[in-house]
Amino acid sequence: MTNTDPTLGNFVLRNYSITTDSTGHNTAMTFTFNAPGGTATFTMITPFVSTGGIFPSSGAATITGASSTVLKFTVLGDETAVPGSQVKLELSTDGGTTYAAPLYVTWAGISSLI
């Protein structure tokens, strides 16, 4: 899968798998993408669910990169949730066995980085 729409930026997905349920909702998703220094793999742990906001209100995924680094991304609430309880980020440098203290961020903070 390759995107060439300049408004979204250029990206290529390799080795991807997307599973949907009977209503078309994603129930499982993995894909590999280019990242600084090599490739990374996105794996959905639990489906991202929206309750009407712009951003999901629940769900979790990991992004695995080089040197056994893993970023766990857990959605705790959509943009209407109290700041500090919207998204939890946890970093592991040993392949996901142990994680550093979590960092809590807002959807606005994440959006500003994209």
PDB file of N, CA and C in Angstrom:
ATOM      1  N   MET A   1       0.858  -1.162   0.000  1.00  0.00           N
ATOM      2  CA  MET A   1       0.000   0.000   0.000  1.00  0.00           C
ATOM      3  C   MET A   1       0.906   1.228   0.000  1.00  0.00           C
ATOM      4  N   THR A   2       0.696   2.115  -0.927  1.00  0.00           N
ATOM      5  CA  THR A   2       1.503   3.326  -1.028  1.00  0.00           C
ATOM      6  C   THR A   2       0.584   4.527  -1.145  1.00  0.00           C
ATOM      7  N   ASN A   3       0.899   5.583  -0.406  1.00  0.00           N
ATOM      8  CA  ASN A   3       0.142   6.822  -0.490  1.00  0.00           C
ATOM      9  C   ASN A   3       0.986   7.853  -1.220  1.00  0.00           C
ATOM     10  N   THR A   4       0.394   8.542  -2.169  1.00  0.00           N
ATOM     11  CA  THR A   4       1.099   9.619  -2.860  1.00  0.00           C
ATOM     12  C   THR A   4       0.350  10.943  -2.747  1.00  0.00           C
ATOM     13  N   ASP A   5      -0.672  11.016  -1.905  1.00  0.00           N
ATOM     14  CA  ASP A   5      -1.434  12.249  -1.703  1.00  0.00           C
ATOM     15  C   ASP A   5      -0.566  13.224  -0.914  1.00  0.00           C
ATOM     16  N   PRO A   6      -0.165  14.361  -1.511  1.00  0.00           N
ATOM     17  CA  PRO A   6       0.739  15.282  -0.811  1.00  0.00           C
ATOM     18  C   PRO A   6       0.153  15.868   0.467  1.00  0.00           C
ATOM     19  N   THR A   7      -1.174  15.919   0.600  1.00  0.00           N
ATOM     20  CA  THR A   7      -1.754  16.472   1.826  1.00  0.00           C
ATOM     21  C   THR A   7      -1.570  15.527   3.004  1.00  0.00           C
ATOM     22  N   LEU A   8      -1.395  14.235   2.744  1.00  0.00           N
ATOM     23  CA  LEU A   8      -1.171  13.265   3.814  1.00  0.00           C
ATOM     24  C   LEU A   8       0.302  12.954   4.009  1.00  0.00           C
ATOM     25  N   GLY A   9       1.147  13.391   3.093  1.00  0.00           N
ATOM     26  CA  GLY A   9       2.551  13.017   3.130  1.00  0.00           C
ATOM     27  C   GLY A   9       2.721  11.685   2.427  1.00  0.00           C
ATOM     28  N   ASN A  10       3.936  11.335   2.136  1.00  0.00           N
ATOM     29  CA  ASN A  10       4.205  10.078   1.443  1.00  0.00           C
ATOM     30  C   ASN A  10       4.494   8.990   2.450  1.00  0.00           C
ATOM     31  N   PHE A  11       3.902   7.835   2.258  1.00  0.00           N
ATOM     32  CA  PHE A  11       4.205   6.702   3.109  1.00  0.00           C
ATOM     33  C   PHE A  11       3.973   5.411   2.350  1.00  0.00           C
ATOM     34  N   VAL A  12       4.637   4.381   2.807  1.00  0.00           N
ATOM     35  CA  VAL A  12       4.502   3.056   2.217  1.00  0.00           C
ATOM     36  C   VAL A  12       4.292   2.076   3.360  1.00  0.00           C
ATOM     37  N   LEU A  13       3.258   1.244   3.285  1.00  0.00           N
ATOM     38  CA  LEU A  13       3.034   0.185   4.262  1.00  0.00           C
ATOM     39  C   LEU A  13       3.486  -1.123   3.649  1.00  0.00           C
ATOM     40  N   ARG A  14       4.254  -1.881   4.417  1.00  0.00           N
ATOM     41  CA  ARG A  14       4.723  -3.179   3.962  1.00  0.00           C
ATOM     42  C   ARG A  14       4.335  -4.206   5.013  1.00  0.00           C
ATOM     43  N   ASN A  15       4.178  -5.425   4.584  1.00  0.00           N
ATOM     44  CA  ASN A  15       3.891  -6.516   5.518  1.00  0.00           C
ATOM     45  C   ASN A  15       2.715  -6.156   6.422  1.00  0.00           C
ATOM     46  N   TYR A  16       1.611  -5.772   5.840  1.00  0.00           N
ATOM     47  CA  TYR A  16       0.499  -5.319   6.662  1.00  0.00           C
ATOM     48  C   TYR A  16      -0.648  -6.314   6.681  1.00  0.00           C
ATOM     49  N   SER A  17      -1.400  -6.242   7.770  1.00  0.00           N
ATOM     50  CA  SER A  17      -2.578  -7.080   7.947  1.00  0.00           C
ATOM     51  C   SER A  17      -3.631  -6.248   8.651  1.00  0.00           C
ATOM     52  N   ILE A  18      -4.812  -6.188   8.088  1.00  0.00           N
ATOM     53  CA  ILE A  18      -5.918  -5.461   8.704  1.00  0.00           C
ATOM     54  C   ILE A  18      -7.122  -6.395   8.725  1.00  0.00           C
ATOM     55  N   THR A  19      -7.702  -6.597   9.900  1.00  0.00           N
ATOM     56  CA  THR A  19      -8.869  -7.463  10.060  1.00  0.00           C
ATOM     57  C   THR A  19     -10.036  -6.610  10.527  1.00  0.00           C
ATOM     58  N   THR A  20     -11.192  -6.786   9.899  1.00  0.00           N
ATOM     59  CA  THR A  20     -12.371  -6.022  10.284  1.00  0.00           C
ATOM     60  C   THR A  20     -13.483  -6.974  10.706  1.00  0.00           C
ATOM     61  N   ASP A  21     -14.430  -6.428  11.478  1.00  0.00           N
ATOM     62  CA  ASP A  21     -15.596  -7.226  11.853  1.00  0.00           C
ATOM     63  C   ASP A  21     -16.712  -6.993  10.840  1.00  0.00           C
ATOM     64  N   SER A  22     -17.879  -7.533  11.089  1.00  0.00           N
ATOM     65  CA  SER A  22     -18.970  -7.459  10.122  1.00  0.00           C
ATOM     66  C   SER A  22     -19.477  -6.038   9.878  1.00  0.00           C
ATOM     67  N   THR A  23     -19.157  -5.102  10.783  1.00  0.00           N
ATOM     68  CA  THR A  23     -19.590  -3.719  10.588  1.00  0.00           C
ATOM     69  C   THR A  23     -18.500  -2.870   9.951  1.00  0.00           C
ATOM     70  N   GLY A  24     -17.356  -3.478   9.653  1.00  0.00           N
ATOM     71  CA  GLY A  24     -16.272  -2.735   9.028  1.00  0.00           C
ATOM     72  C   GLY A  24     -15.296  -2.116  10.008  1.00  0.00           C
ATOM     73  N   HIS A  25     -15.488  -2.332  11.302  1.00  0.00           N
ATOM     74  CA  HIS A  25     -14.553  -1.794  12.303  1.00  0.00           C
ATOM     75  C   HIS A  25     -13.295  -2.642  12.341  1.00  0.00           C
ATOM     76  N   ASN A  26     -12.147  -1.984  12.474  1.00  0.00           N
ATOM     77  CA  ASN A  26     -10.886  -2.712  12.573  1.00  0.00           C
ATOM     78  C   ASN A  26     -10.831  -3.439  13.907  1.00  0.00           C
ATOM     79  N   THR A  27     -10.534  -4.712  13.874  1.00  0.00           N
ATOM     80  CA  THR A  27     -10.389  -5.501  15.099  1.00  0.00           C
ATOM     81  C   THR A  27      -8.946  -5.916  15.327  1.00  0.00           C
ATOM     82  N   ALA A  28      -8.134  -5.876  14.287  1.00  0.00           N
ATOM     83  CA  ALA A  28      -6.714  -6.177  14.400  1.00  0.00           C
ATOM     84  C   ALA A  28      -5.992  -5.465  13.272  1.00  0.00           C
ATOM     85  N   MET A  29      -4.782  -4.981  13.556  1.00  0.00           N
ATOM     86  CA  MET A  29      -4.040  -4.270  12.536  1.00  0.00           C
ATOM     87  C   MET A  29      -2.554  -4.337  12.861  1.00  0.00           C
ATOM     88  N   THR A  30      -1.752  -4.676  11.891  1.00  0.00           N
ATOM     89  CA  THR A  30      -0.298  -4.578  12.000  1.00  0.00           C
ATOM     90  C   THR A  30       0.225  -4.066  10.667  1.00  0.00           C
ATOM     91  N   PHE A  31       1.278  -3.252  10.727  1.00  0.00           N
ATOM     92  CA  PHE A  31       1.948  -2.837   9.506  1.00  0.00           C
ATOM     93  C   PHE A  31       3.349  -2.345   9.845  1.00  0.00           C
ATOM     94  N   THR A  32       4.204  -2.413   8.848  1.00  0.00           N
ATOM     95  CA  THR A  32       5.580  -1.938   8.964  1.00  0.00           C
ATOM     96  C   THR A  32       5.702  -0.679   8.127  1.00  0.00           C
ATOM     97  N   PHE A  33       6.426   0.320   8.642  1.00  0.00           N
ATOM     98  CA  PHE A  33       6.571   1.576   7.924  1.00  0.00           C
ATOM     99  C   PHE A  33       7.981   2.113   8.090  1.00  0.00           C
ATOM    100  N   ASN A  34       8.356   3.015   7.186  1.00  0.00           N
ATOM    101  CA  ASN A  34       9.659   3.666   7.271  1.00  0.00           C
ATOM    102  C   ASN A  34       9.661   4.630   8.440  1.00  0.00           C
ATOM    103  N   ALA A  35      10.760   4.627   9.170  1.00  0.00           N
ATOM    104  CA  ALA A  35      10.934   5.529  10.297  1.00  0.00           C
ATOM    105  C   ALA A  35      12.376   6.011  10.267  1.00  0.00           C
ATOM    106  N   PRO A  36      12.674   7.120  10.958  1.00  0.00           N
ATOM    107  CA  PRO A  36      14.066   7.557  11.002  1.00  0.00           C
ATOM    108  C   PRO A  36      14.956   6.420  11.522  1.00  0.00           C
ATOM    109  N   GLY A  37      16.013   6.103  10.794  1.00  0.00           N
ATOM    110  CA  GLY A  37      16.934   5.060  11.221  1.00  0.00           C
ATOM    111  C   GLY A  37      16.533   3.653  10.808  1.00  0.00           C
ATOM    112  N   GLY A  38      15.466   3.492  10.019  1.00  0.00           N
ATOM    113  CA  GLY A  38      15.074   2.153   9.592  1.00  0.00           C
ATOM    114  C   GLY A  38      13.580   2.004   9.456  1.00  0.00           C
ATOM    115  N   THR A  39      13.062   0.868   9.897  1.00  0.00           N
ATOM    116  CA  THR A  39      11.634   0.619   9.826  1.00  0.00           C
ATOM    117  C   THR A  39      11.082   0.409  11.231  1.00  0.00           C
ATOM    118  N   ALA A  40       9.782   0.524  11.353  1.00  0.00           N
ATOM    119  CA  ALA A  40       9.090   0.295  12.619  1.00  0.00           C
ATOM    120  C   ALA A  40       7.826  -0.496  12.310  1.00  0.00           C
ATOM    121  N   THR A  41       7.326  -1.190  13.321  1.00  0.00           N
ATOM    122  CA  THR A  41       6.116  -1.993  13.156  1.00  0.00           C
ATOM    123  C   THR A  41       5.047  -1.523  14.131  1.00  0.00           C
ATOM    124  N   PHE A  42       3.871  -1.217  13.612  1.00  0.00           N
ATOM    125  CA  PHE A  42       2.710  -0.821  14.403  1.00  0.00           C
ATOM    126  C   PHE A  42       1.853  -2.066  14.609  1.00  0.00           C
ATOM    127  N   THR A  43       1.487  -2.339  15.867  1.00  0.00           N
ATOM    128  CA  THR A  43       0.619  -3.471  16.177  1.00  0.00           C
ATOM    129  C   THR A  43      -0.498  -2.996  17.098  1.00  0.00           C
ATOM    130  N   MET A  44      -1.740  -3.136  16.667  1.00  0.00           N
ATOM    131  CA  MET A  44      -2.869  -2.761  17.511  1.00  0.00           C
ATOM    132  C   MET A  44      -3.064  -3.844  18.567  1.00  0.00           C
ATOM    133  N   ILE A  45      -3.116  -3.436  19.839  1.00  0.00           N
ATOM    134  CA  ILE A  45      -3.337  -4.371  20.947  1.00  0.00           C
ATOM    135  C   ILE A  45      -4.825  -4.543  21.184  1.00  0.00           C
ATOM    136  N   THR A  46      -5.525  -3.426  21.314  1.00  0.00           N
ATOM    137  CA  THR A  46      -6.988  -3.432  21.416  1.00  0.00           C
ATOM    138  C   THR A  46      -7.518  -2.396  20.428  1.00  0.00           C
ATOM    139  N   PRO A  47      -8.662  -2.641  19.818  1.00  0.00           N
ATOM    140  CA  PRO A  47      -9.182  -1.726  18.794  1.00  0.00           C
ATOM    141  C   PRO A  47      -9.385  -0.312  19.325  1.00  0.00           C
ATOM    142  N   PHE A  48      -9.132   0.650  18.455  1.00  0.00           N
ATOM    143  CA  PHE A  48      -9.405   2.046  18.775  1.00  0.00           C
ATOM    144  C   PHE A  48     -10.892   2.287  18.571  1.00  0.00           C
ATOM    145  N   VAL A  49     -11.544   2.841  19.584  1.00  0.00           N
ATOM    146  CA  VAL A  49     -12.986   3.062  19.566  1.00  0.00           C
ATOM    147  C   VAL A  49     -13.257   4.544  19.771  1.00  0.00           C
ATOM    148  N   SER A  50     -14.155   5.071  18.992  1.00  0.00           N
ATOM    149  CA  SER A  50     -14.560   6.469  19.131  1.00  0.00           C
ATOM    150  C   SER A  50     -15.990   6.521  19.644  1.00  0.00           C
ATOM    151  N   THR A  51     -16.241   7.451  20.546  1.00  0.00           N
ATOM    152  CA  THR A  51     -17.597   7.635  21.059  1.00  0.00           C
ATOM    153  C   THR A  51     -18.176   8.962  20.581  1.00  0.00           C
ATOM    154  N   GLY A  52     -17.693   9.425  19.437  1.00  0.00           N
ATOM    155  CA  GLY A  52     -18.261  10.635  18.849  1.00  0.00           C
ATOM    156  C   GLY A  52     -17.303  11.805  18.791  1.00  0.00           C
ATOM    157  N   GLY A  53     -16.175  11.727  19.463  1.00  0.00           N
ATOM    158  CA  GLY A  53     -15.204  12.807  19.401  1.00  0.00           C
ATOM    159  C   GLY A  53     -14.374  12.726  18.133  1.00  0.00           C
ATOM    160  N   ILE A  54     -13.471  13.665  17.981  1.00  0.00           N
ATOM    161  CA  ILE A  54     -12.567  13.662  16.836  1.00  0.00           C
ATOM    162  C   ILE A  54     -11.563  12.514  16.968  1.00  0.00           C
ATOM    163  N   PHE A  55     -11.092  12.278  18.198  1.00  0.00           N
ATOM    164  CA  PHE A  55     -10.083  11.258  18.454  1.00  0.00           C
ATOM    165  C   PHE A  55     -10.712  10.053  19.136  1.00  0.00           C
ATOM    166  N   PRO A  56     -10.030   8.909  19.102  1.00  0.00           N
ATOM    167  CA  PRO A  56     -10.571   7.726  19.798  1.00  0.00           C
ATOM    168  C   PRO A  56     -10.688   7.969  21.297  1.00  0.00           C
ATOM    169  N   SER A  57     -11.567   7.219  21.930  1.00  0.00           N
ATOM    170  CA  SER A  57     -11.740   7.323  23.384  1.00  0.00           C
ATOM    171  C   SER A  57     -11.137   6.126  24.109  1.00  0.00           C
ATOM    172  N   SER A  58     -10.784   5.073  23.376  1.00  0.00           N
ATOM    173  CA  SER A  58     -10.109   3.923  23.976  1.00  0.00           C
ATOM    174  C   SER A  58      -9.366   3.160  22.888  1.00  0.00           C
ATOM    175  N   GLY A  59      -8.457   2.299  23.314  1.00  0.00           N
ATOM    176  CA  GLY A  59      -7.671   1.484  22.398  1.00  0.00           C
ATOM    177  C   GLY A  59      -6.213   1.526  22.778  1.00  0.00           C
ATOM    178  N   ALA A  60      -5.433   0.625  22.216  1.00  0.00           N
ATOM    179  CA  ALA A  60      -4.003   0.582  22.526  1.00  0.00           C
ATOM    180  C   ALA A  60      -3.237  -0.031  21.373  1.00  0.00           C
ATOM    181  N   ALA A  61      -1.973   0.372  21.239  1.00  0.00           N
ATOM    182  CA  ALA A  61      -1.104  -0.154  20.199  1.00  0.00           C
ATOM    183  C   ALA A  61       0.343  -0.065  20.666  1.00  0.00           C
ATOM    184  N   THR A  62       1.200  -0.810  19.986  1.00  0.00           N
ATOM    185  CA  THR A  62       2.635  -0.663  20.197  1.00  0.00           C
ATOM    186  C   THR A  62       3.286  -0.315  18.872  1.00  0.00           C
ATOM    187  N   ILE A  63       4.391   0.409  18.970  1.00  0.00           N
ATOM    188  CA  ILE A  63       5.234   0.688  17.823  1.00  0.00           C
ATOM    189  C   ILE A  63       6.616   0.176  18.195  1.00  0.00           C
ATOM    190  N   THR A  64       7.094  -0.816  17.444  1.00  0.00           N
ATOM    191  CA  THR A  64       8.385  -1.431  17.719  1.00  0.00           C
ATOM    192  C   THR A  64       9.388  -0.937  16.699  1.00  0.00           C
ATOM    193  N   GLY A  65      10.508  -0.415  17.200  1.00  0.00           N
ATOM    194  CA  GLY A  65      11.536   0.121  16.324  1.00  0.00           C
ATOM    195  C   GLY A  65      12.846  -0.626  16.464  1.00  0.00           C
ATOM    196  N   ALA A  66      13.908   0.063  16.123  1.00  0.00           N
ATOM    197  CA  ALA A  66      15.241  -0.533  16.152  1.00  0.00           C
ATOM    198  C   ALA A  66      15.715  -0.772  17.583  1.00  0.00           C
ATOM    199  N   SER A  67      16.664  -1.666  17.720  1.00  0.00           N
ATOM    200  CA  SER A  67      17.335  -1.938  19.002  1.00  0.00           C
ATOM    201  C   SER A  67      16.366  -2.310  20.108  1.00  0.00           C
ATOM    202  N   SER A  68      15.325  -3.044  19.780  1.00  0.00           N
ATOM    203  CA  SER A  68      14.358  -3.547  20.765  1.00  0.00           C
ATOM    204  C   SER A  68      13.579  -2.448  21.485  1.00  0.00           C
ATOM    205  N   THR A  69      13.421  -1.282  20.862  1.00  0.00           N
ATOM    206  CA  THR A  69      12.617  -0.230  21.473  1.00  0.00           C
ATOM    207  C   THR A  69      11.152  -0.445  21.145  1.00  0.00           C
ATOM    208  N   VAL A  70      10.304  -0.226  22.141  1.00  0.00           N
ATOM    209  CA  VAL A  70       8.858  -0.377  21.974  1.00  0.00           C
ATOM    210  C   VAL A  70       8.184   0.827  22.629  1.00  0.00           C
ATOM    211  N   LEU A  71       7.301   1.480  21.895  1.00  0.00           N
ATOM    212  CA  LEU A  71       6.477   2.551  22.438  1.00  0.00           C
ATOM    213  C   LEU A  71       5.061   2.017  22.552  1.00  0.00           C
ATOM    214  N   LYS A  72       4.538   1.984  23.770  1.00  0.00           N
ATOM    215  CA  LYS A  72       3.151   1.560  23.985  1.00  0.00           C
ATOM    216  C   LYS A  72       2.292   2.815  24.061  1.00  0.00           C
ATOM    217  N   PHE A  73       1.215   2.829  23.278  1.00  0.00           N
ATOM    218  CA  PHE A  73       0.327   3.972  23.119  1.00  0.00           C
ATOM    219  C   PHE A  73      -1.057   3.527  23.588  1.00  0.00           C
ATOM    220  N   THR A  74      -1.516   4.069  24.736  1.00  0.00           N
ATOM    221  CA  THR A  74      -2.811   3.668  25.288  1.00  0.00           C
ATOM    222  C   THR A  74      -3.743   4.870  25.331  1.00  0.00           C
ATOM    223  N   VAL A  75      -4.897   4.757  24.691  1.00  0.00           N
ATOM    224  CA  VAL A  75      -5.880   5.838  24.681  1.00  0.00           C
ATOM    225  C   VAL A  75      -6.749   5.707  25.927  1.00  0.00           C
ATOM    226  N   LEU A  76      -6.814   6.795  26.696  1.00  0.00           N
ATOM    227  CA  LEU A  76      -7.600   6.808  27.927  1.00  0.00           C
ATOM    228  C   LEU A  76      -8.864   7.645  27.800  1.00  0.00           C
ATOM    229  N   GLY A  77      -8.943   8.475  26.766  1.00  0.00           N
ATOM    230  CA  GLY A  77     -10.119   9.319  26.554  1.00  0.00           C
ATOM    231  C   GLY A  77      -9.942  10.156  25.308  1.00  0.00           C
ATOM    232  N   ASP A  78     -11.051  10.656  24.762  1.00  0.00           N
ATOM    233  CA  ASP A  78     -10.949  11.505  23.586  1.00  0.00           C
ATOM    234  C   ASP A  78     -10.579  12.918  24.002  1.00  0.00           C
ATOM    235  N   GLU A  79     -10.686  13.861  23.059  1.00  0.00           N
ATOM    236  CA  GLU A  79     -10.255  15.236  23.335  1.00  0.00           C
ATOM    237  C   GLU A  79     -11.102  15.931  24.393  1.00  0.00           C
ATOM    238  N   THR A  80     -12.266  15.372  24.744  1.00  0.00           N
ATOM    239  CA  THR A  80     -13.109  15.989  25.775  1.00  0.00           C
ATOM    240  C   THR A  80     -12.725  15.529  27.185  1.00  0.00           C
ATOM    241  N   ALA A  81     -11.866  14.520  27.290  1.00  0.00           N
ATOM    242  CA  ALA A  81     -11.434  14.027  28.599  1.00  0.00           C
ATOM    243  C   ALA A  81     -10.505  15.053  29.250  1.00  0.00           C
ATOM    244  N   VAL A  82     -10.393  14.980  30.553  1.00  0.00           N
ATOM    245  CA  VAL A  82      -9.523  15.889  31.305  1.00  0.00           C
ATOM    246  C   VAL A  82      -8.087  15.742  30.801  1.00  0.00           C
ATOM    247  N   PRO A  83      -7.406  16.862  30.471  1.00  0.00           N
ATOM    248  CA  PRO A  83      -6.004  16.762  30.062  1.00  0.00           C
ATOM    249  C   PRO A  83      -5.206  15.985  31.110  1.00  0.00           C
ATOM    250  N   GLY A  84      -4.313  15.159  30.643  1.00  0.00           N
ATOM    251  CA  GLY A  84      -3.555  14.298  31.537  1.00  0.00           C
ATOM    252  C   GLY A  84      -4.161  12.913  31.628  1.00  0.00           C
ATOM    253  N   SER A  85      -5.365  12.771  31.082  1.00  0.00           N
ATOM    254  CA  SER A  85      -5.995  11.455  31.085  1.00  0.00           C
ATOM    255  C   SER A  85      -6.507  11.103  29.685  1.00  0.00           C
ATOM    256  N   GLN A  86      -5.816  11.598  28.667  1.00  0.00           N
ATOM    257  CA  GLN A  86      -6.230  11.337  27.293  1.00  0.00           C
ATOM    258  C   GLN A  86      -5.401  10.239  26.636  1.00  0.00           C
ATOM    259  N   VAL A  87      -4.076  10.317  26.734  1.00  0.00           N
ATOM    260  CA  VAL A  87      -3.197   9.325  26.112  1.00  0.00           C
ATOM    261  C   VAL A  87      -2.028   9.027  27.044  1.00  0.00           C
ATOM    262  N   LYS A  88      -1.714   7.750  27.193  1.00  0.00           N
ATOM    263  CA  LYS A  88      -0.566   7.334  28.003  1.00  0.00           C
ATOM    264  C   LYS A  88       0.484   6.733  27.077  1.00  0.00           C
ATOM    265  N   LEU A  89       1.721   7.236  27.162  1.00  0.00           N
ATOM    266  CA  LEU A  89       2.834   6.724  26.382  1.00  0.00           C
ATOM    267  C   LEU A  89       3.829   6.064  27.326  1.00  0.00           C
ATOM    268  N   GLU A  90       4.288   4.861  26.954  1.00  0.00           N
ATOM    269  CA  GLU A  90       5.279   4.152  27.759  1.00  0.00           C
ATOM    270  C   GLU A  90       6.376   3.644  26.827  1.00  0.00           C
ATOM    271  N   LEU A  91       7.629   3.824  27.215  1.00  0.00           N
ATOM    272  CA  LEU A  91       8.757   3.418  26.390  1.00  0.00           C
ATOM    273  C   LEU A  91       9.517   2.278  27.036  1.00  0.00           C
ATOM    274  N   SER A  92       9.827   1.275  26.234  1.00  0.00           N
ATOM    275  CA  SER A  92      10.641   0.144  26.666  1.00  0.00           C
ATOM    276  C   SER A  92      11.875   0.070  25.776  1.00  0.00           C
ATOM    277  N   THR A  93      13.023  -0.191  26.390  1.00  0.00           N
ATOM    278  CA  THR A  93      14.247  -0.365  25.610  1.00  0.00           C
ATOM    279  C   THR A  93      14.719  -1.813  25.633  1.00  0.00           C
ATOM    280  N   ASP A  94      13.886  -2.711  26.170  1.00  0.00           N
ATOM    281  CA  ASP A  94      14.264  -4.127  26.233  1.00  0.00           C
ATOM    282  C   ASP A  94      13.238  -5.029  25.543  1.00  0.00           C
ATOM    283  N   GLY A  95      12.609  -4.510  24.508  1.00  0.00           N
ATOM    284  CA  GLY A  95      11.675  -5.319  23.743  1.00  0.00           C
ATOM    285  C   GLY A  95      10.290  -5.439  24.340  1.00  0.00           C
ATOM    286  N   GLY A  96       9.963  -4.641  25.325  1.00  0.00           N
ATOM    287  CA  GLY A  96       8.628  -4.656  25.912  1.00  0.00           C
ATOM    288  C   GLY A  96       8.520  -5.444  27.196  1.00  0.00           C
ATOM    289  N   THR A  97       9.642  -5.849  27.770  1.00  0.00           N
ATOM    290  CA  THR A  97       9.607  -6.569  29.045  1.00  0.00           C
ATOM    291  C   THR A  97       9.332  -5.611  30.195  1.00  0.00           C
ATOM    292  N   THR A  98      10.050  -4.494  30.216  1.00  0.00           N
ATOM    293  CA  THR A  98       9.829  -3.462  31.245  1.00  0.00           C
ATOM    294  C   THR A  98       9.669  -2.116  30.542  1.00  0.00           C
ATOM    295  N   TYR A  99       8.901  -1.242  31.179  1.00  0.00           N
ATOM    296  CA  TYR A  99       8.637   0.077  30.623  1.00  0.00           C
ATOM    297  C   TYR A  99       9.027   1.159  31.619  1.00  0.00           C
ATOM    298  N   ALA A 100       9.494   2.287  31.089  1.00  0.00           N
ATOM    299  CA  ALA A 100       9.789   3.459  31.915  1.00  0.00           C
ATOM    300  C   ALA A 100       8.481   4.035  32.440  1.00  0.00           C
ATOM    301  N   ALA A 101       8.584   4.954  33.377  1.00  0.00           N
ATOM    302  CA  ALA A 101       7.395   5.621  33.922  1.00  0.00           C
ATOM    303  C   ALA A 101       6.590   6.223  32.772  1.00  0.00           C
ATOM    304  N   PRO A 102       5.267   6.116  32.835  1.00  0.00           N
ATOM    305  CA  PRO A 102       4.445   6.620  31.725  1.00  0.00           C
ATOM    306  C   PRO A 102       4.472   8.140  31.620  1.00  0.00           C
ATOM    307  N   LEU A 103       4.249   8.598  30.420  1.00  0.00           N
ATOM    308  CA  LEU A 103       4.093  10.015  30.126  1.00  0.00           C
ATOM    309  C   LEU A 103       2.657  10.200  29.661  1.00  0.00           C
ATOM    310  N   TYR A 104       1.935  11.104  30.284  1.00  0.00           N
ATOM    311  CA  TYR A 104       0.543  11.372  29.918  1.00  0.00           C
ATOM    312  C   TYR A 104       0.502  12.634  29.073  1.00  0.00           C
ATOM    313  N   VAL A 105      -0.144  12.543  27.918  1.00  0.00           N
ATOM    314  CA  VAL A 105      -0.201  13.662  26.989  1.00  0.00           C
ATOM    315  C   VAL A 105      -1.632  13.878  26.520  1.00  0.00           C
ATOM    316  N   THR A 106      -1.859  15.036  25.935  1.00  0.00           N
ATOM    317  CA  THR A 106      -3.179  15.357  25.383  1.00  0.00           C
ATOM    318  C   THR A 106      -3.186  15.064  23.885  1.00  0.00           C
ATOM    319  N   TRP A 107      -4.376  14.930  23.341  1.00  0.00           N
ATOM    320  CA  TRP A 107      -4.501  14.774  21.898  1.00  0.00           C
ATOM    321  C   TRP A 107      -3.990  16.017  21.188  1.00  0.00           C
ATOM    322  N   ALA A 108      -4.195  17.192  21.767  1.00  0.00           N
ATOM    323  CA  ALA A 108      -3.696  18.431  21.158  1.00  0.00           C
ATOM    324  C   ALA A 108      -2.174  18.396  21.068  1.00  0.00           C
ATOM    325  N   GLY A 109      -1.526  17.873  22.099  1.00  0.00           N
ATOM    326  CA  GLY A 109      -0.068  17.758  22.093  1.00  0.00           C
ATOM    327  C   GLY A 109       0.425  16.818  21.013  1.00  0.00           C
ATOM    328  N   ILE A 110      -0.252  15.696  20.841  1.00  0.00           N
ATOM    329  CA  ILE A 110       0.128  14.746  19.799  1.00  0.00           C
ATOM    330  C   ILE A 110      -0.137  15.339  18.434  1.00  0.00           C
ATOM    331  N   SER A 111      -1.269  15.994  18.254  1.00  0.00           N
ATOM    332  CA  SER A 111      -1.625  16.583  16.955  1.00  0.00           C
ATOM    333  C   SER A 111      -0.609  17.629  16.517  1.00  0.00           C
ATOM    334  N   SER A 112      -0.049  18.354  17.476  1.00  0.00           N
ATOM    335  CA  SER A 112       0.913  19.400  17.129  1.00  0.00           C
ATOM    336  C   SER A 112       2.229  18.826  16.591  1.00  0.00           C
ATOM    337  N   LEU A 113       2.498  17.543  16.859  1.00  0.00           N
ATOM    338  CA  LEU A 113       3.720  16.901  16.407  1.00  0.00           C
ATOM    339  C   LEU A 113       3.584  16.282  15.024  1.00  0.00           C
ATOM    340  N   ILE A 114       2.362  16.124  14.569  1.00  0.00           N
ATOM    341  CA  ILE A 114       2.130  15.439  13.289  1.00  0.00           C
ATOM    342  C   ILE A 114       2.171  16.404  12.144  1.00  0.00           C
TER     343      ILE A 114
END
